[in-house]
Amino acid sequence: MLENDSNGLLTYEYIANNMGSIDEDMSALVDNMILKDRTGQFVVSTARYLNAIDREKYAASIDLLVKAAIAKDRDHVYLGTLASSLWGPDYKEHAEQLSETDDNFRRIYKRLYPVGI
């Protein structure tokens, strides 16, 4: 079924509609999402969703999704909402500290604000 997913939407919907019963399949679902989503839209949505559900439980999946979002969202359409969702709406105020402790944050921030901190 999900092999016919053309852009990640079906995989995102499957994850959202089956939370609680798919934990053992999450790795394969994340891999499928990363494979199918060319723009990063659903990769970001899935990372934000899993973060809201249980940041610690899904930390490995969120990390993979964030790395994929950095690579896929070349136009930086979705990275700003991802940063705000994962590190709070005031992430810019803590950018230096977050950059020192979180490689994904540092990479996203450099893409959103290429001049630097």
N, C-alpha and C. Protein backbone atom coordinates (compact mmCIF):
# COMPACT_ATOMS: atom_id res chain seq x y z
N MET A 1 0.82 -1.20 0.00
CA MET A 1 0.00 0.00 0.00
C MET A 1 0.87 1.27 0.00
N LEU A 2 1.78 1.37 0.97
CA LEU A 2 2.58 2.57 1.07
C LEU A 2 3.68 2.65 0.01
N GLU A 3 3.95 1.57 -0.66
CA GLU A 3 4.92 1.64 -1.76
C GLU A 3 4.35 2.49 -2.91
N ASN A 4 3.03 2.67 -2.94
CA ASN A 4 2.39 3.50 -3.95
C ASN A 4 2.31 4.97 -3.54
N ASP A 5 2.83 5.28 -2.38
CA ASP A 5 2.86 6.66 -1.90
C ASP A 5 3.78 7.46 -2.82
N SER A 6 3.23 8.49 -3.44
CA SER A 6 4.03 9.23 -4.42
C SER A 6 4.80 10.40 -3.82
N ASN A 7 4.37 10.89 -2.63
CA ASN A 7 5.04 12.08 -2.09
C ASN A 7 5.19 12.10 -0.57
N GLY A 8 4.80 11.05 0.11
CA GLY A 8 4.91 10.99 1.56
C GLY A 8 3.61 11.19 2.30
N LEU A 9 2.61 11.72 1.64
CA LEU A 9 1.34 12.00 2.30
C LEU A 9 0.68 10.73 2.84
N LEU A 10 0.64 9.67 2.05
CA LEU A 10 0.01 8.43 2.51
C LEU A 10 0.73 7.87 3.73
N THR A 11 2.04 7.95 3.74
CA THR A 11 2.80 7.46 4.88
C THR A 11 2.53 8.32 6.11
N TYR A 12 2.50 9.64 5.93
CA TYR A 12 2.18 10.53 7.04
C TYR A 12 0.80 10.21 7.61
N GLU A 13 -0.18 10.08 6.74
CA GLU A 13 -1.54 9.76 7.20
C GLU A 13 -1.59 8.41 7.90
N TYR A 14 -0.86 7.44 7.40
CA TYR A 14 -0.82 6.12 8.02
C TYR A 14 -0.25 6.21 9.44
N ILE A 15 0.83 6.96 9.58
CA ILE A 15 1.43 7.14 10.91
C ILE A 15 0.44 7.83 11.84
N ALA A 16 -0.16 8.92 11.38
CA ALA A 16 -1.09 9.68 12.22
C ALA A 16 -2.33 8.87 12.60
N ASN A 17 -2.83 8.07 11.69
CA ASN A 17 -4.05 7.31 11.94
C ASN A 17 -3.82 6.02 12.71
N ASN A 18 -2.57 5.61 12.86
CA ASN A 18 -2.29 4.33 13.51
C ASN A 18 -1.34 4.45 14.70
N MET A 19 -1.16 5.67 15.22
CA MET A 19 -0.28 5.85 16.37
C MET A 19 -0.71 4.91 17.49
N GLY A 20 0.27 4.37 18.15
CA GLY A 20 0.00 3.46 19.25
C GLY A 20 0.06 2.00 18.85
N SER A 21 -0.07 1.75 17.56
CA SER A 21 -0.04 0.36 17.12
C SER A 21 1.04 0.10 16.06
N ILE A 22 1.88 1.09 15.80
CA ILE A 22 2.87 0.95 14.73
C ILE A 22 4.31 1.16 15.19
N ASP A 23 4.52 1.21 16.49
CA ASP A 23 5.87 1.50 16.98
C ASP A 23 6.91 0.55 16.42
N GLU A 24 6.56 -0.72 16.30
CA GLU A 24 7.53 -1.70 15.79
C GLU A 24 7.82 -1.49 14.30
N ASP A 25 6.96 -0.76 13.62
CA ASP A 25 7.14 -0.49 12.19
C ASP A 25 7.65 0.92 11.91
N MET A 26 7.88 1.70 12.97
CA MET A 26 8.22 3.11 12.79
C MET A 26 9.48 3.30 11.95
N SER A 27 10.48 2.48 12.16
CA SER A 27 11.72 2.63 11.39
C SER A 27 11.47 2.48 9.89
N ALA A 28 10.70 1.47 9.51
CA ALA A 28 10.38 1.25 8.09
C ALA A 28 9.50 2.38 7.55
N LEU A 29 8.59 2.87 8.37
CA LEU A 29 7.73 3.97 7.94
C LEU A 29 8.53 5.24 7.72
N VAL A 30 9.45 5.52 8.62
CA VAL A 30 10.31 6.69 8.47
C VAL A 30 11.18 6.55 7.22
N ASP A 31 11.73 5.38 7.00
CA ASP A 31 12.53 5.15 5.79
C ASP A 31 11.69 5.40 4.54
N ASN A 32 10.44 4.92 4.53
CA ASN A 32 9.56 5.12 3.39
C ASN A 32 9.25 6.61 3.20
N MET A 33 9.01 7.30 4.30
CA MET A 33 8.73 8.74 4.24
C MET A 33 9.92 9.47 3.61
N ILE A 34 11.10 9.15 4.07
CA ILE A 34 12.30 9.81 3.56
C ILE A 34 12.49 9.51 2.07
N LEU A 35 12.21 8.30 1.67
CA LEU A 35 12.33 7.90 0.27
C LEU A 35 11.32 8.62 -0.63
N LYS A 36 10.09 8.73 -0.19
CA LYS A 36 9.00 9.23 -1.04
C LYS A 36 8.89 10.75 -1.09
N ASP A 37 9.18 11.43 0.01
CA ASP A 37 9.00 12.88 0.08
C ASP A 37 10.20 13.59 -0.55
N ARG A 38 9.98 14.23 -1.67
CA ARG A 38 11.07 14.90 -2.38
C ARG A 38 11.32 16.33 -1.90
N THR A 39 10.31 16.98 -1.31
CA THR A 39 10.45 18.38 -0.93
C THR A 39 10.70 18.59 0.56
N GLY A 40 10.43 17.60 1.37
CA GLY A 40 10.60 17.73 2.81
C GLY A 40 9.33 18.09 3.55
N GLN A 41 8.25 18.36 2.84
CA GLN A 41 7.01 18.79 3.47
C GLN A 41 6.49 17.76 4.48
N PHE A 42 6.38 16.52 4.08
CA PHE A 42 5.81 15.51 4.97
C PHE A 42 6.85 14.95 5.94
N VAL A 43 8.11 15.02 5.56
CA VAL A 43 9.18 14.67 6.49
C VAL A 43 9.12 15.61 7.69
N VAL A 44 8.99 16.91 7.42
CA VAL A 44 8.89 17.91 8.49
C VAL A 44 7.62 17.70 9.30
N SER A 45 6.50 17.48 8.62
CA SER A 45 5.24 17.27 9.34
C SER A 45 5.31 16.06 10.25
N THR A 46 5.95 15.00 9.78
CA THR A 46 6.07 13.79 10.59
C THR A 46 6.98 14.03 11.78
N ALA A 47 8.08 14.72 11.58
CA ALA A 47 8.99 15.04 12.70
C ALA A 47 8.26 15.88 13.74
N ARG A 48 7.51 16.87 13.30
CA ARG A 48 6.76 17.73 14.22
C ARG A 48 5.71 16.92 14.97
N TYR A 49 5.02 16.03 14.26
CA TYR A 49 3.98 15.20 14.86
C TYR A 49 4.57 14.27 15.92
N LEU A 50 5.64 13.56 15.57
CA LEU A 50 6.25 12.64 16.53
C LEU A 50 6.81 13.39 17.73
N ASN A 51 7.35 14.57 17.50
CA ASN A 51 7.85 15.39 18.59
C ASN A 51 6.71 15.77 19.55
N ALA A 52 5.57 16.10 19.00
CA ALA A 52 4.42 16.48 19.83
C ALA A 52 3.85 15.28 20.59
N ILE A 53 3.90 14.11 19.99
CA ILE A 53 3.37 12.91 20.63
C ILE A 53 4.28 12.47 21.78
N ASP A 54 5.58 12.29 21.49
CA ASP A 54 6.52 11.84 22.54
C ASP A 54 7.94 12.01 22.02
N ARG A 55 8.52 13.14 22.34
CA ARG A 55 9.85 13.51 21.84
C ARG A 55 10.91 12.46 22.19
N GLU A 56 10.88 11.96 23.41
CA GLU A 56 11.89 10.99 23.84
C GLU A 56 11.70 9.63 23.20
N LYS A 57 10.47 9.16 23.18
CA LYS A 57 10.18 7.84 22.63
C LYS A 57 10.57 7.75 21.15
N TYR A 58 10.31 8.81 20.42
CA TYR A 58 10.56 8.81 18.99
C TYR A 58 11.81 9.59 18.59
N ALA A 59 12.73 9.77 19.52
CA ALA A 59 13.92 10.58 19.29
C ALA A 59 14.72 10.11 18.07
N ALA A 60 14.92 8.81 17.93
CA ALA A 60 15.71 8.31 16.79
C ALA A 60 15.02 8.61 15.46
N SER A 61 13.70 8.42 15.42
CA SER A 61 12.96 8.71 14.19
C SER A 61 12.96 10.20 13.89
N ILE A 62 12.78 11.01 14.91
CA ILE A 62 12.79 12.46 14.72
C ILE A 62 14.14 12.90 14.19
N ASP A 63 15.22 12.35 14.74
CA ASP A 63 16.56 12.71 14.28
C ASP A 63 16.74 12.40 12.80
N LEU A 64 16.32 11.22 12.38
CA LEU A 64 16.43 10.86 10.95
C LEU A 64 15.58 11.78 10.08
N LEU A 65 14.39 12.08 10.53
CA LEU A 65 13.50 12.96 9.77
C LEU A 65 14.06 14.37 9.65
N VAL A 66 14.64 14.87 10.74
CA VAL A 66 15.22 16.21 10.72
C VAL A 66 16.40 16.25 9.75
N LYS A 67 17.25 15.24 9.79
CA LYS A 67 18.38 15.19 8.86
C LYS A 67 17.88 15.15 7.41
N ALA A 68 16.82 14.40 7.17
CA ALA A 68 16.26 14.34 5.82
C ALA A 68 15.66 15.69 5.42
N ALA A 69 15.00 16.35 6.36
CA ALA A 69 14.41 17.67 6.07
C ALA A 69 15.48 18.67 5.68
N ILE A 70 16.60 18.63 6.37
CA ILE A 70 17.70 19.55 6.05
C ILE A 70 18.16 19.33 4.61
N ALA A 71 18.25 18.09 4.21
CA ALA A 71 18.70 17.78 2.85
C ALA A 71 17.64 18.08 1.80
N LYS A 72 16.38 17.84 2.11
CA LYS A 72 15.31 17.94 1.11
C LYS A 72 14.73 19.34 0.95
N ASP A 73 14.65 20.10 2.02
CA ASP A 73 14.01 21.42 1.96
C ASP A 73 15.01 22.48 1.49
N ARG A 74 15.37 22.39 0.24
CA ARG A 74 16.38 23.28 -0.34
C ARG A 74 15.95 24.75 -0.37
N ASP A 75 14.64 24.98 -0.45
CA ASP A 75 14.14 26.35 -0.51
C ASP A 75 13.79 26.90 0.87
N HIS A 76 14.02 26.11 1.92
CA HIS A 76 13.78 26.51 3.31
C HIS A 76 12.33 26.90 3.57
N VAL A 77 11.44 26.21 2.94
CA VAL A 77 10.01 26.47 3.09
C VAL A 77 9.50 25.92 4.43
N TYR A 78 10.04 24.79 4.86
CA TYR A 78 9.51 24.08 6.02
C TYR A 78 10.44 24.11 7.23
N LEU A 79 11.69 24.47 7.04
CA LEU A 79 12.66 24.40 8.14
C LEU A 79 12.34 25.35 9.29
N GLY A 80 11.79 26.51 8.99
CA GLY A 80 11.45 27.47 10.04
C GLY A 80 10.40 26.93 10.99
N THR A 81 9.36 26.29 10.44
CA THR A 81 8.33 25.72 11.31
C THR A 81 8.87 24.52 12.07
N LEU A 82 9.78 23.79 11.45
CA LEU A 82 10.40 22.66 12.14
C LEU A 82 11.21 23.16 13.34
N ALA A 83 12.03 24.18 13.12
CA ALA A 83 12.85 24.73 14.21
C ALA A 83 11.97 25.23 15.34
N SER A 84 10.93 25.93 15.01
CA SER A 84 10.02 26.45 16.03
C SER A 84 9.33 25.33 16.80
N SER A 85 8.94 24.29 16.10
CA SER A 85 8.26 23.17 16.75
C SER A 85 9.18 22.38 17.66
N LEU A 86 10.41 22.18 17.23
CA LEU A 86 11.33 21.34 18.01
C LEU A 86 12.03 22.10 19.13
N TRP A 87 12.36 23.37 18.89
CA TRP A 87 13.15 24.11 19.88
C TRP A 87 12.42 25.32 20.46
N GLY A 88 11.16 25.46 20.14
CA GLY A 88 10.34 26.54 20.70
C GLY A 88 10.33 27.78 19.83
N PRO A 89 9.29 28.58 19.98
CA PRO A 89 9.15 29.77 19.14
C PRO A 89 10.25 30.82 19.40
N ASP A 90 10.94 30.70 20.53
CA ASP A 90 12.01 31.64 20.85
C ASP A 90 13.40 31.07 20.56
N TYR A 91 13.46 30.10 19.64
CA TYR A 91 14.73 29.43 19.36
C TYR A 91 15.83 30.39 18.93
N LYS A 92 15.48 31.49 18.27
CA LYS A 92 16.49 32.44 17.82
C LYS A 92 17.23 33.07 19.00
N GLU A 93 16.52 33.25 20.10
CA GLU A 93 17.12 33.85 21.29
C GLU A 93 18.16 32.93 21.93
N HIS A 94 18.06 31.64 21.65
CA HIS A 94 18.95 30.65 22.24
C HIS A 94 19.82 29.97 21.17
N ALA A 95 19.94 30.61 20.03
CA ALA A 95 20.62 30.00 18.88
C ALA A 95 22.06 29.62 19.18
N GLU A 96 22.78 30.46 19.86
CA GLU A 96 24.19 30.16 20.12
C GLU A 96 24.32 28.92 21.00
N GLN A 97 23.57 28.86 22.06
CA GLN A 97 23.61 27.71 22.96
C GLN A 97 23.13 26.44 22.25
N LEU A 98 22.02 26.52 21.52
CA LEU A 98 21.50 25.36 20.81
C LEU A 98 22.48 24.88 19.74
N SER A 99 23.15 25.80 19.08
CA SER A 99 24.13 25.42 18.05
C SER A 99 25.31 24.66 18.64
N GLU A 100 25.65 24.98 19.85
CA GLU A 100 26.76 24.30 20.52
C GLU A 100 26.41 22.88 20.94
N THR A 101 25.13 22.63 21.18
CA THR A 101 24.73 21.34 21.75
C THR A 101 23.94 20.44 20.81
N ASP A 102 23.47 20.98 19.70
CA ASP A 102 22.60 20.19 18.81
C ASP A 102 23.00 20.42 17.36
N ASP A 103 23.59 19.39 16.78
CA ASP A 103 24.08 19.51 15.40
C ASP A 103 22.94 19.77 14.41
N ASN A 104 21.80 19.11 14.59
CA ASN A 104 20.67 19.36 13.69
C ASN A 104 20.22 20.81 13.76
N PHE A 105 20.15 21.35 14.98
CA PHE A 105 19.77 22.76 15.10
C PHE A 105 20.78 23.64 14.38
N ARG A 106 22.06 23.39 14.62
CA ARG A 106 23.11 24.20 14.00
C ARG A 106 22.98 24.18 12.48
N ARG A 107 22.74 23.01 11.91
CA ARG A 107 22.62 22.88 10.46
C ARG A 107 21.38 23.61 9.93
N ILE A 108 20.26 23.49 10.62
CA ILE A 108 19.05 24.20 10.20
C ILE A 108 19.25 25.70 10.30
N TYR A 109 19.81 26.15 11.42
CA TYR A 109 19.99 27.58 11.65
C TYR A 109 20.90 28.18 10.57
N LYS A 110 21.97 27.47 10.21
CA LYS A 110 22.87 27.96 9.16
C LYS A 110 22.16 28.09 7.83
N ARG A 111 21.18 27.23 7.57
CA ARG A 111 20.44 27.33 6.32
C ARG A 111 19.44 28.48 6.34
N LEU A 112 18.81 28.66 7.50
CA LEU A 112 17.82 29.73 7.61
C LEU A 112 18.48 31.11 7.72
N TYR A 113 19.62 31.17 8.38
CA TYR A 113 20.32 32.45 8.61
C TYR A 113 21.79 32.27 8.22
N PRO A 114 22.10 32.26 6.94
CA PRO A 114 23.44 31.93 6.48
C PRO A 114 24.54 32.88 6.93
N VAL A 115 24.20 34.05 7.41
CA VAL A 115 25.23 34.99 7.86
C VAL A 115 25.86 34.49 9.16
N GLY A 116 25.10 33.77 9.96
CA GLY A 116 25.64 33.23 11.20
C GLY A 116 24.91 33.76 12.41
N ILE A 117 25.44 33.33 13.53
CA ILE A 117 24.82 33.70 14.82
C ILE A 117 25.32 35.05 15.26
